[in-house]
Amino acid sequence: MYNILTLNKISSTGIKNFTSDYKCADDIKSPDAILVRSASMHEMEFAPETLAIARAGAGVNNIPVEKCAEEGIVVFNTPGANANAVKELVLCGLLLASRKVVPAIEWVKTTLHGDENFSKSVEKGKSAFAGPEIKGKKLGVIGLGAIGVLVANAANSLGMEVYGYDPYLSVDAAWNLSRSVKHVTSLDEIFSNCDYITLHVPLNDTTRGVINTVNIAKMKDGVRILNFARGELVDTNDIIKALAEGKVAAYVTDFGNDALLDATGAIVMPHLGASTPESEDNCAVMAVEEIIDFLENGNILNSVNFPNVSVPRTGKARITIIHKNVPNVISKISTAVAEENINIDNMVNKSKGEFAYTMLDTDADVSDGALDSIKSLDDVIRVRVIK
């Protein structure tokens, strides 16, 4: 029996994929794995039994990822599961940024409420809300992951001239990206050429505050900026100043703050990107599948703190070993197994940063002595046998 702790309400579409071998509840004391959406886990103390955490979503800022790696807890996310939902909201944001839809609606609701000459007043005042069409305009997509590729392709289909920037473009993303998208090699090409710029990169030391006074100065006058990735990618004070000066015509974000609410030209949404039933279902299904495959087979797919390692099982038992990525660990593991007269059918090892993951398929059961022998090795963090 595997015990699964839920820290948020997780879609039943995902939960129902657990078999009778799993107990899933929000009051599990010593879980084998944890399912989470937005709950903060930074103050949590993890039980020794906890092997994995799956975030039903892409971001993992609410999870102490490095602490988990040190304790041998694999952290999964669900990249791409909510990509279509975010893409659709970004397209909405493009139109809202151009056509002044939000202030126009507010004007109708407030200024014209109770107006006996409603139709005449509308015709007289609507010119204040005119805005450009997006067709034929240049869109810069910064980050060509699952969401960025969908946005780039959709904008291209709507008649925009799309520029894409991603120095870490994956093979899968490249295959899915429309040939019509211009792949540029520097952010300055985006800044200097594009009428619209949309952000789809993770938040880290190199991307924090990438939209700032210095880079805004490189942009076209009247540029429109969209941020549906992370709030901290944009310097709040700098964007407010640019909006006030008219350098930036509109800023649409799903990650607002109080300072932005009074900024003319800022459209702030309450983190709606993945708020669709389809997205929540997709994320839950992927998170549950990741946990099941890891607990039952040791396979890792979509981990943020350990390498992806997924191979079919062979032999009678599988040994999984989480360890530091340092020299000679593999040879020590092989020696420890050989000394217990265990033959290795198949072996795979991969690393990610400071950590590595090794899986051994053996042709015989693994004794407690063999397991203890591997556990005692320097730099080994966690050992598990799956039968």
Protein backbone atom coordinates (compact mmCIF):
# COMPACT_ATOMS: atom_id res chain seq x y z
CA MET A 1 0.00 0.00 0.00
CA TYR A 2 1.31 3.43 -0.98
CA ASN A 3 0.21 6.48 1.03
CA ILE A 4 -0.30 9.73 -0.90
CA LEU A 5 -0.76 13.08 0.88
CA THR A 6 -2.67 15.86 -0.89
CA LEU A 7 -1.91 19.43 0.22
CA ASN A 8 -4.50 21.04 -2.06
CA LYS A 9 -7.67 19.91 -3.74
CA ILE A 10 -6.47 17.79 -6.65
CA SER A 11 -8.73 17.06 -9.62
CA SER A 12 -10.60 13.78 -9.22
CA THR A 13 -9.78 13.06 -12.87
CA GLY A 14 -6.20 12.52 -11.76
CA ILE A 15 -6.85 10.94 -8.38
CA LYS A 16 -9.02 8.20 -9.87
CA ASN A 17 -5.94 6.87 -11.71
CA PHE A 18 -4.61 5.54 -8.40
CA THR A 19 -5.41 1.87 -7.95
CA SER A 20 -6.55 0.12 -4.78
CA ASP A 21 -2.87 -0.17 -3.85
CA TYR A 22 -2.92 3.54 -3.01
CA LYS A 23 -4.44 5.48 -0.16
CA CYS A 24 -4.85 9.17 -1.03
CA ALA A 25 -5.97 11.73 1.56
CA ASP A 26 -5.18 15.13 3.05
CA ASP A 27 -4.35 13.77 6.52
CA ILE A 28 -1.63 11.19 5.77
CA LYS A 29 1.10 11.43 8.43
CA SER A 30 3.98 9.55 6.76
CA PRO A 31 3.35 9.73 3.01
CA ASP A 32 5.29 7.91 0.33
CA ALA A 33 4.52 10.83 -1.98
CA ILE A 34 2.87 14.24 -1.88
CA LEU A 35 0.57 15.91 -4.41
CA VAL A 36 0.53 19.71 -4.29
CA ARG A 37 -0.64 22.70 -6.29
CA SER A 38 -0.06 26.08 -4.61
CA ALA A 39 0.47 25.22 -0.93
CA SER A 40 3.81 26.42 0.43
CA MET A 41 6.06 23.57 1.55
CA HIS A 42 9.11 25.60 2.60
CA GLU A 43 8.43 25.17 6.31
CA MET A 44 7.54 21.48 6.12
CA GLU A 45 9.58 18.72 7.70
CA PHE A 46 9.45 15.64 5.50
CA ALA A 47 8.92 12.13 6.81
CA PRO A 48 11.73 9.64 6.14
CA GLU A 49 9.25 7.61 4.09
CA THR A 50 8.59 10.44 1.63
CA LEU A 51 10.08 9.61 -1.76
CA ALA A 52 8.50 12.11 -4.13
CA ILE A 53 6.55 15.35 -4.51
CA ALA A 54 4.51 16.09 -7.64
CA ARG A 55 3.40 19.63 -8.34
CA ALA A 56 0.23 19.74 -10.45
CA GLY A 57 1.54 22.67 -12.47
CA ALA A 58 4.75 23.98 -13.97
CA GLY A 59 6.21 26.29 -11.32
CA VAL A 60 7.83 24.88 -8.20
CA ASN A 61 8.54 28.08 -6.27
CA ASN A 62 6.40 26.76 -3.41
CA ILE A 63 8.62 23.68 -2.97
CA PRO A 64 12.10 23.61 -1.33
CA VAL A 65 13.64 21.85 -4.31
CA GLU A 66 17.25 21.78 -3.14
CA LYS A 67 16.33 20.63 0.36
CA CYS A 68 14.35 17.81 -1.22
CA ALA A 69 17.34 16.80 -3.35
CA GLU A 70 19.56 16.62 -0.27
CA GLU A 71 16.99 14.34 1.39
CA GLY A 72 16.59 12.16 -1.70
CA ILE A 73 13.07 13.35 -2.51
CA VAL A 74 12.33 13.59 -6.21
CA VAL A 75 10.32 16.69 -7.15
CA PHE A 76 8.16 16.47 -10.27
CA ASN A 77 6.23 19.13 -12.14
CA THR A 78 3.82 18.88 -15.07
CA PRO A 79 5.24 20.94 -17.95
CA GLY A 80 2.90 21.43 -20.85
CA ALA A 81 -0.21 20.18 -19.06
CA ASN A 82 -1.58 23.72 -18.71
CA ALA A 83 0.12 25.13 -21.81
CA ASN A 84 -3.01 25.51 -23.91
CA ALA A 85 -4.88 27.29 -21.13
CA VAL A 86 -2.07 29.83 -20.73
CA LYS A 87 -1.74 30.22 -24.51
CA GLU A 88 -5.40 31.15 -24.81
CA LEU A 89 -5.10 33.75 -22.05
CA VAL A 90 -1.99 35.23 -23.69
CA LEU A 91 -3.93 35.64 -26.94
CA CYS A 92 -6.66 37.34 -24.94
CA GLY A 93 -3.97 39.58 -23.44
CA LEU A 94 -2.72 40.55 -26.90
CA LEU A 95 -6.16 41.79 -27.84
CA LEU A 96 -6.75 43.52 -24.52
CA ALA A 97 -3.43 45.33 -24.86
CA SER A 98 -4.30 46.57 -28.35
CA ARG A 99 -7.95 47.47 -28.34
CA LYS A 100 -8.34 49.11 -24.91
CA VAL A 101 -11.17 46.72 -24.18
CA VAL A 102 -10.89 46.89 -20.39
CA PRO A 103 -11.07 50.71 -20.03
CA ALA A 104 -13.79 50.80 -22.68
CA ILE A 105 -15.96 48.39 -20.71
CA GLU A 106 -15.36 50.35 -17.50
CA TRP A 107 -16.33 53.58 -19.30
CA VAL A 108 -19.58 52.06 -20.51
CA LYS A 109 -20.44 50.68 -17.04
CA THR A 110 -19.64 53.88 -15.14
CA THR A 111 -19.92 56.96 -17.34
CA LEU A 112 -22.86 55.77 -19.43
CA HIS A 113 -24.84 54.07 -16.69
CA GLY A 114 -28.35 55.60 -16.73
CA ASP A 115 -27.61 57.74 -19.82
CA GLU A 116 -30.88 58.33 -21.70
CA ASN A 117 -28.89 58.98 -24.89
CA PHE A 118 -26.83 55.84 -24.52
CA SER A 119 -26.36 55.10 -28.24
CA LYS A 120 -25.40 58.67 -29.12
CA SER A 121 -22.99 58.88 -26.19
CA VAL A 122 -21.35 55.62 -27.24
CA GLU A 123 -20.75 56.90 -30.76
CA LYS A 124 -19.41 60.17 -29.44
CA GLY A 125 -17.01 58.67 -26.90
CA LYS A 126 -15.78 55.42 -28.44
CA SER A 127 -12.90 57.05 -30.33
CA ALA A 128 -11.00 57.35 -27.05
CA PHE A 129 -10.65 53.60 -27.03
CA ALA A 130 -9.39 52.98 -30.55
CA GLY A 131 -6.44 50.63 -30.85
CA PRO A 132 -4.41 48.81 -33.50
CA GLU A 133 -5.06 45.38 -34.95
CA ILE A 134 -2.47 42.70 -34.21
CA LYS A 135 -2.35 41.38 -37.78
CA GLY A 136 0.90 42.37 -39.46
CA LYS A 137 2.51 43.48 -36.19
CA LYS A 138 5.72 42.00 -34.80
CA LEU A 139 5.53 39.81 -31.70
CA GLY A 140 8.60 38.82 -29.71
CA VAL A 141 8.28 35.57 -27.75
CA ILE A 142 10.95 35.27 -25.07
CA GLY A 143 11.13 31.59 -24.10
CA LEU A 144 10.12 28.80 -26.45
CA GLY A 145 9.05 26.09 -24.06
CA ALA A 146 5.68 24.36 -24.11
CA ILE A 147 3.72 27.61 -23.74
CA GLY A 148 5.98 29.86 -25.80
CA VAL A 149 5.84 27.57 -28.82
CA LEU A 150 2.04 27.45 -28.72
CA VAL A 151 1.84 31.24 -28.42
CA ALA A 152 4.31 31.76 -31.28
CA ASN A 153 2.45 29.38 -33.58
CA ALA A 154 -0.97 30.81 -32.74
CA ALA A 155 0.18 34.40 -33.23
CA ASN A 156 1.70 33.41 -36.55
CA SER A 157 -1.64 31.92 -37.59
CA LEU A 158 -3.31 35.22 -36.67
CA GLY A 159 -1.08 37.04 -39.13
CA MET A 160 1.60 38.38 -36.80
CA GLU A 161 5.29 38.40 -37.67
CA VAL A 162 6.78 36.36 -34.84
CA TYR A 163 10.30 36.52 -33.43
CA GLY A 164 11.33 33.79 -30.99
CA TYR A 165 14.25 33.81 -28.54
CA ASP A 166 15.42 30.86 -26.47
CA PRO A 167 19.10 29.96 -26.07
CA TYR A 168 18.07 26.59 -24.61
CA LEU A 169 15.59 25.59 -27.31
CA SER A 170 14.88 21.87 -26.98
CA VAL A 171 14.70 19.47 -29.90
CA ASP A 172 11.01 18.81 -29.23
CA ALA A 173 10.24 22.53 -29.15
CA ALA A 174 12.16 23.10 -32.38
CA TRP A 175 10.17 20.36 -34.12
CA ASN A 176 6.87 21.90 -32.98
CA LEU A 177 7.77 25.50 -33.80
CA SER A 178 6.35 26.91 -37.03
CA ARG A 179 8.92 27.48 -39.75
CA SER A 180 7.55 30.99 -40.12
CA VAL A 181 8.80 32.01 -36.66
CA LYS A 182 12.08 33.91 -36.86
CA HIS A 183 14.48 32.35 -34.36
CA VAL A 184 16.73 35.17 -33.11
CA THR A 185 19.90 34.80 -31.07
CA SER A 186 19.75 37.83 -28.78
CA LEU A 187 17.19 39.63 -26.66
CA ASP A 188 18.20 42.93 -28.26
CA GLU A 189 16.76 41.67 -31.56
CA ILE A 190 13.44 41.20 -29.80
CA PHE A 191 13.62 44.56 -28.03
CA SER A 192 14.48 46.62 -31.09
CA ASN A 193 12.13 44.98 -33.59
CA CYS A 194 8.92 43.99 -31.86
CA ASP A 195 5.66 45.85 -31.31
CA TYR A 196 4.57 43.28 -28.72
CA ILE A 197 6.72 41.26 -26.33
CA THR A 198 5.53 38.26 -24.32
CA LEU A 199 7.51 36.48 -21.59
CA HIS A 200 7.58 32.69 -21.17
CA VAL A 201 10.76 31.95 -19.23
CA PRO A 202 11.36 30.58 -15.72
CA LEU A 203 12.39 32.92 -12.93
CA ASN A 204 16.07 32.64 -12.05
CA ASP A 205 19.09 34.87 -11.47
CA THR A 206 19.52 35.56 -15.19
CA THR A 207 15.87 36.37 -15.95
CA ARG A 208 14.86 38.30 -12.82
CA GLY A 209 14.02 41.87 -13.81
CA VAL A 210 14.83 41.29 -17.48
CA ILE A 211 12.23 43.94 -18.33
CA ASN A 212 13.85 47.00 -16.79
CA THR A 213 14.66 50.61 -17.65
CA VAL A 214 17.78 49.70 -19.60
CA ASN A 215 16.04 47.14 -21.79
CA ILE A 216 12.83 49.16 -22.14
CA ALA A 217 14.92 51.98 -23.61
CA LYS A 218 15.92 49.60 -26.43
CA MET A 219 12.29 48.95 -27.35
CA LYS A 220 10.00 50.72 -29.80
CA ASP A 221 7.93 53.62 -28.50
CA GLY A 222 4.46 52.33 -27.66
CA VAL A 223 5.56 48.72 -27.18
CA ARG A 224 3.08 46.42 -25.51
CA ILE A 225 4.42 43.89 -22.99
CA LEU A 226 2.74 40.72 -21.72
CA ASN A 227 3.86 38.73 -18.69
CA PHE A 228 2.10 35.44 -18.03
CA ALA A 229 5.21 33.71 -16.63
CA ARG A 230 6.41 35.24 -13.34
CA GLY A 231 5.86 38.70 -11.87
CA GLU A 232 9.50 39.22 -10.93
CA LEU A 233 10.59 39.04 -14.57
CA VAL A 234 9.45 42.66 -14.82
CA ASP A 235 10.74 45.44 -12.57
CA THR A 236 7.55 47.00 -11.22
CA ASN A 237 8.91 50.52 -10.69
CA ASP A 238 10.49 50.58 -14.14
CA ILE A 239 7.36 49.41 -15.96
CA ILE A 240 5.16 51.91 -14.09
CA LYS A 241 7.53 54.71 -15.08
CA ALA A 242 7.58 53.54 -18.72
CA LEU A 243 3.77 53.41 -18.79
CA ALA A 244 3.51 56.93 -17.36
CA GLU A 245 5.96 58.27 -19.95
CA GLY A 246 4.17 56.50 -22.82
CA LYS A 247 7.22 54.45 -23.77
CA VAL A 248 5.16 51.34 -23.01
CA ALA A 249 1.57 51.56 -24.26
CA ALA A 250 0.26 48.62 -22.25
CA TYR A 251 1.42 46.05 -19.75
CA VAL A 252 -0.75 42.94 -19.30
CA THR A 253 0.17 40.56 -16.52
CA ASP A 254 -1.20 37.57 -14.66
CA PHE A 255 1.13 38.35 -11.74
CA GLY A 256 0.17 41.76 -10.47
CA ASN A 257 0.78 43.70 -7.30
CA ASP A 258 -0.87 46.63 -5.56
CA ALA A 259 1.46 49.19 -7.13
CA LEU A 260 0.33 48.24 -10.64
CA LEU A 261 -3.39 48.68 -9.98
CA ASP A 262 -3.32 52.47 -10.38
CA ALA A 263 -0.90 52.49 -13.32
CA THR A 264 -2.52 53.74 -16.53
CA GLY A 265 -2.11 51.13 -19.24
CA ALA A 266 -1.61 48.23 -16.84
CA ILE A 267 -4.07 45.33 -17.03
CA VAL A 268 -3.74 43.03 -14.03
CA MET A 269 -5.32 39.58 -13.92
CA PRO A 270 -5.61 37.37 -10.80
CA HIS A 271 -3.34 34.52 -11.93
CA LEU A 272 -5.88 33.00 -14.31
CA GLY A 273 -3.41 31.29 -16.64
CA ALA A 274 -4.13 27.70 -15.67
CA SER A 275 -7.59 28.29 -14.21
CA THR A 276 -9.53 26.03 -16.52
CA PRO A 277 -11.08 22.67 -15.63
CA GLU A 278 -9.22 21.10 -18.55
CA SER A 279 -5.88 22.39 -17.31
CA GLU A 280 -6.47 21.23 -13.73
CA ASP A 281 -7.45 17.79 -15.00
CA ASN A 282 -4.41 17.55 -17.27
CA CYS A 283 -2.00 18.60 -14.51
CA ALA A 284 -3.51 16.17 -12.01
CA VAL A 285 -3.39 13.24 -14.43
CA MET A 286 0.26 13.92 -15.32
CA ALA A 287 1.28 14.36 -11.66
CA VAL A 288 -0.40 11.11 -10.63
CA GLU A 289 1.16 9.21 -13.53
CA GLU A 290 4.61 10.52 -12.59
CA ILE A 291 4.20 9.36 -8.99
CA ILE A 292 2.90 5.93 -9.95
CA ASP A 293 5.71 5.28 -12.41
CA PHE A 294 8.32 6.39 -9.89
CA LEU A 295 6.95 4.44 -6.92
CA GLU A 296 6.28 1.25 -8.87
CA ASN A 297 9.14 1.30 -11.40
CA GLY A 298 11.66 3.85 -10.19
CA ASN A 299 11.38 5.82 -13.43
CA ILE A 300 11.84 9.60 -13.29
CA LEU A 301 10.17 11.86 -15.83
CA ASN A 302 9.78 15.66 -15.51
CA SER A 303 11.82 16.06 -12.34
CA VAL A 304 13.22 19.48 -11.50
CA ASN A 305 15.93 18.25 -9.13
CA PHE A 306 17.01 14.88 -10.55
CA PRO A 307 17.74 13.66 -14.08
CA ASN A 308 15.11 12.01 -16.24
CA VAL A 309 15.73 8.26 -16.22
CA SER A 310 13.11 5.94 -17.67
CA VAL A 311 13.78 2.41 -18.93
CA PRO A 312 11.68 -0.78 -19.11
CA ARG A 313 12.20 -3.17 -16.23
CA THR A 314 14.17 -6.37 -16.74
CA GLY A 315 15.30 -9.03 -14.30
CA LYS A 316 13.77 -9.92 -10.95
CA ALA A 317 14.37 -6.79 -8.88
CA ARG A 318 15.29 -3.15 -9.45
CA ILE A 319 17.63 -1.18 -7.19
CA THR A 320 17.33 2.62 -7.39
CA ILE A 321 20.04 4.79 -5.91
CA ILE A 322 20.04 8.55 -5.40
CA HIS A 323 23.55 9.84 -4.83
CA LYS A 324 25.89 12.76 -5.21
CA ASN A 325 27.34 13.36 -8.64
CA VAL A 326 30.99 12.73 -7.72
CA PRO A 327 33.72 10.44 -9.13
CA ASN A 328 33.92 6.72 -8.28
CA VAL A 329 30.40 6.35 -6.87
CA ILE A 330 29.33 4.06 -9.71
CA SER A 331 32.33 1.78 -9.30
CA LYS A 332 31.69 1.55 -5.55
CA ILE A 333 28.06 0.63 -6.17
CA SER A 334 29.05 -2.02 -8.72
CA THR A 335 31.62 -3.49 -6.32
CA ALA A 336 29.14 -3.58 -3.44
CA VAL A 337 26.61 -5.42 -5.61
CA ALA A 338 29.21 -7.87 -6.95
CA GLU A 339 30.41 -8.69 -3.44
CA GLU A 340 26.86 -9.82 -2.63
CA ASN A 341 26.95 -12.17 -5.66
CA ILE A 342 24.27 -10.19 -7.45
CA ASN A 343 24.41 -10.13 -11.24
CA ILE A 344 23.38 -6.90 -12.98
CA ASP A 345 21.07 -7.41 -15.98
CA ASN A 346 20.87 -3.75 -16.86
CA MET A 347 22.28 -0.52 -15.45
CA VAL A 348 21.60 3.14 -16.20
CA ASN A 349 23.08 6.25 -14.60
CA LYS A 350 22.39 9.92 -15.25
CA SER A 351 23.25 13.11 -13.46
CA LYS A 352 21.80 16.58 -13.01
CA GLY A 353 23.97 19.19 -11.35
CA GLU A 354 25.21 17.97 -7.98
CA PHE A 355 23.01 14.88 -7.94
CA ALA A 356 22.73 11.62 -9.86
CA TYR A 357 20.40 8.67 -10.18
CA THR A 358 21.34 5.05 -10.84
CA MET A 359 19.03 2.10 -11.56
CA LEU A 360 20.15 -1.52 -11.52
CA ASP A 361 18.03 -4.44 -12.72
CA THR A 362 19.20 -7.70 -11.15
CA ASP A 363 18.54 -11.37 -11.92
CA ALA A 364 17.92 -12.25 -8.26
CA ASP A 365 16.30 -10.89 -5.14
CA VAL A 366 18.30 -8.28 -3.24
CA SER A 367 19.14 -9.20 0.34
CA ASP A 368 19.04 -6.80 3.25
CA GLY A 369 22.80 -7.18 3.48
CA ALA A 370 23.28 -6.02 -0.09
CA LEU A 371 20.98 -3.10 0.51
CA ASP A 372 22.83 -2.10 3.67
CA SER A 373 26.14 -2.39 1.83
CA ILE A 374 25.04 0.14 -0.78
CA LYS A 375 23.46 2.44 1.80
CA SER A 376 26.74 2.58 3.71
CA LEU A 377 28.65 4.03 0.77
CA ASP A 378 29.82 7.62 0.95
CA ASP A 379 27.73 10.06 -1.13
CA VAL A 380 24.75 7.67 -1.36
CA ILE A 381 21.58 9.49 -0.24
CA ARG A 382 18.77 6.97 -0.69
CA VAL A 383 18.48 3.34 -1.82
CA ARG A 384 15.29 1.52 -2.71
CA VAL A 385 14.49 -1.98 -3.98
CA ILE A 386 11.46 -2.48 -6.21
CA LYS A 387 10.28 -6.06 -6.78
